[in-house]
Amino acid sequence: MPQLDTSTWFITILSMTITLFFVFQLKMSKYSFPGNPEPKLVITSKSVTPWEEKWTKIYFPLSLPLQ
């Protein structure tokens, strides 16, 4: 049975890796990515609701007087 010649494996794998790297770089250079996002000025308006000015109380069933 013949011996497997592995002397060229290193240069083959190295050249394949370098080629894939360059192909990937060329493909990625065709895309245009947006710039850095800038914070948007958000103006919050205070909504007026009737219960903000009044004191309210929540009645739990256990806190009601016994009947």
C-alpha atoms as a PDB file:
ATOM      1  CA  MET A   1       0.000   0.000   0.000  1.00  0.00           C
ATOM      2  CA  PRO A   2       1.524   3.378  -0.964  1.00  0.00           C
ATOM      3  CA  GLN A   3       2.432   5.951   1.658  1.00  0.00           C
ATOM      4  CA  LEU A   4       0.328   9.148   1.715  1.00  0.00           C
ATOM      5  CA  ASP A   5       2.473  12.115   0.723  1.00  0.00           C
ATOM      6  CA  THR A   6       1.747  14.960   3.159  1.00  0.00           C
ATOM      7  CA  SER A   7       4.677  17.201   2.219  1.00  0.00           C
ATOM      8  CA  THR A   8       2.502  19.645   0.243  1.00  0.00           C
ATOM      9  CA  TRP A   9      -0.341  19.871   2.726  1.00  0.00           C
ATOM     10  CA  PHE A  10       1.056  22.870   4.609  1.00  0.00           C
ATOM     11  CA  ILE A  11       1.458  25.095   1.556  1.00  0.00           C
ATOM     12  CA  THR A  12      -1.926  23.962   0.201  1.00  0.00           C
ATOM     13  CA  ILE A  13      -3.777  24.800   3.418  1.00  0.00           C
ATOM     14  CA  LEU A  14      -1.878  28.065   3.826  1.00  0.00           C
ATOM     15  CA  SER A  15      -2.592  29.249   0.286  1.00  0.00           C
ATOM     16  CA  MET A  16      -6.242  28.216   0.584  1.00  0.00           C
ATOM     17  CA  THR A  17      -6.608  30.189   3.832  1.00  0.00           C
ATOM     18  CA  ILE A  18      -4.993  33.294   2.355  1.00  0.00           C
ATOM     19  CA  THR A  19      -7.158  33.034  -0.776  1.00  0.00           C
ATOM     20  CA  LEU A  20     -10.340  32.681   1.269  1.00  0.00           C
ATOM     21  CA  PHE A  21      -9.332  35.675   3.364  1.00  0.00           C
ATOM     22  CA  PHE A  22      -8.854  37.855   0.289  1.00  0.00           C
ATOM     23  CA  VAL A  23     -12.099  36.667  -1.307  1.00  0.00           C
ATOM     24  CA  PHE A  24     -13.963  37.447   1.892  1.00  0.00           C
ATOM     25  CA  GLN A  25     -12.366  40.897   2.096  1.00  0.00           C
ATOM     26  CA  LEU A  26     -13.332  41.660  -1.497  1.00  0.00           C
ATOM     27  CA  LYS A  27     -16.916  40.571  -0.917  1.00  0.00           C
ATOM     28  CA  MET A  28     -17.196  42.644   2.257  1.00  0.00           C
ATOM     29  CA  SER A  29     -15.741  45.738   0.591  1.00  0.00           C
ATOM     30  CA  LYS A  30     -18.690  45.855  -1.832  1.00  0.00           C
ATOM     31  CA  TYR A  31     -21.170  46.519   0.980  1.00  0.00           C
ATOM     32  CA  SER A  32     -21.741  50.024   2.262  1.00  0.00           C
ATOM     33  CA  PHE A  33     -22.343  50.166   5.976  1.00  0.00           C
ATOM     34  CA  PRO A  34     -24.122  53.110   7.647  1.00  0.00           C
ATOM     35  CA  GLY A  35     -22.124  55.508   9.766  1.00  0.00           C
ATOM     36  CA  ASN A  36     -22.212  55.720  13.517  1.00  0.00           C
ATOM     37  CA  PRO A  37     -25.721  56.434  14.824  1.00  0.00           C
ATOM     38  CA  GLU A  38     -26.132  59.739  16.579  1.00  0.00           C
ATOM     39  CA  PRO A  39     -28.421  60.196  19.561  1.00  0.00           C
ATOM     40  CA  LYS A  40     -31.820  61.526  18.637  1.00  0.00           C
ATOM     41  CA  LEU A  41     -33.207  64.418  20.641  1.00  0.00           C
ATOM     42  CA  VAL A  42     -36.436  63.212  22.195  1.00  0.00           C
ATOM     43  CA  ILE A  43     -38.794  65.735  23.718  1.00  0.00           C
ATOM     44  CA  THR A  44     -41.102  64.167  26.266  1.00  0.00           C
ATOM     45  CA  SER A  45     -44.408  65.869  26.805  1.00  0.00           C
ATOM     46  CA  LYS A  46     -46.116  65.485  30.157  1.00  0.00           C
ATOM     47  CA  SER A  47     -49.581  64.103  29.698  1.00  0.00           C
ATOM     48  CA  VAL A  48     -52.235  65.454  32.028  1.00  0.00           C
ATOM     49  CA  THR A  49     -54.332  62.773  33.664  1.00  0.00           C
ATOM     50  CA  PRO A  50     -56.949  63.419  36.334  1.00  0.00           C
ATOM     51  CA  TRP A  51     -55.453  61.011  38.844  1.00  0.00           C
ATOM     52  CA  GLU A  52     -52.043  62.630  38.939  1.00  0.00           C
ATOM     53  CA  GLU A  53     -53.248  65.551  41.046  1.00  0.00           C
ATOM     54  CA  LYS A  54     -55.509  63.567  43.377  1.00  0.00           C
ATOM     55  CA  TRP A  55     -54.724  61.138  46.142  1.00  0.00           C
ATOM     56  CA  THR A  56     -56.055  57.685  45.358  1.00  0.00           C
ATOM     57  CA  LYS A  57     -56.386  54.587  47.458  1.00  0.00           C
ATOM     58  CA  ILE A  58     -56.692  50.978  46.423  1.00  0.00           C
ATOM     59  CA  TYR A  59     -59.043  48.944  48.556  1.00  0.00           C
ATOM     60  CA  PHE A  60     -58.072  45.329  49.023  1.00  0.00           C
ATOM     61  CA  PRO A  61     -60.808  42.865  49.939  1.00  0.00           C
ATOM     62  CA  LEU A  62     -59.050  41.982  53.184  1.00  0.00           C
ATOM     63  CA  SER A  63     -58.733  45.614  54.269  1.00  0.00           C
ATOM     64  CA  LEU A  64     -62.474  46.330  54.018  1.00  0.00           C
ATOM     65  CA  PRO A  65     -64.461  46.235  57.266  1.00  0.00           C
ATOM     66  CA  LEU A  66     -66.276  43.005  58.041  1.00  0.00           C
ATOM     67  CA  GLN A  67     -69.957  42.984  57.276  1.00  0.00           C
END
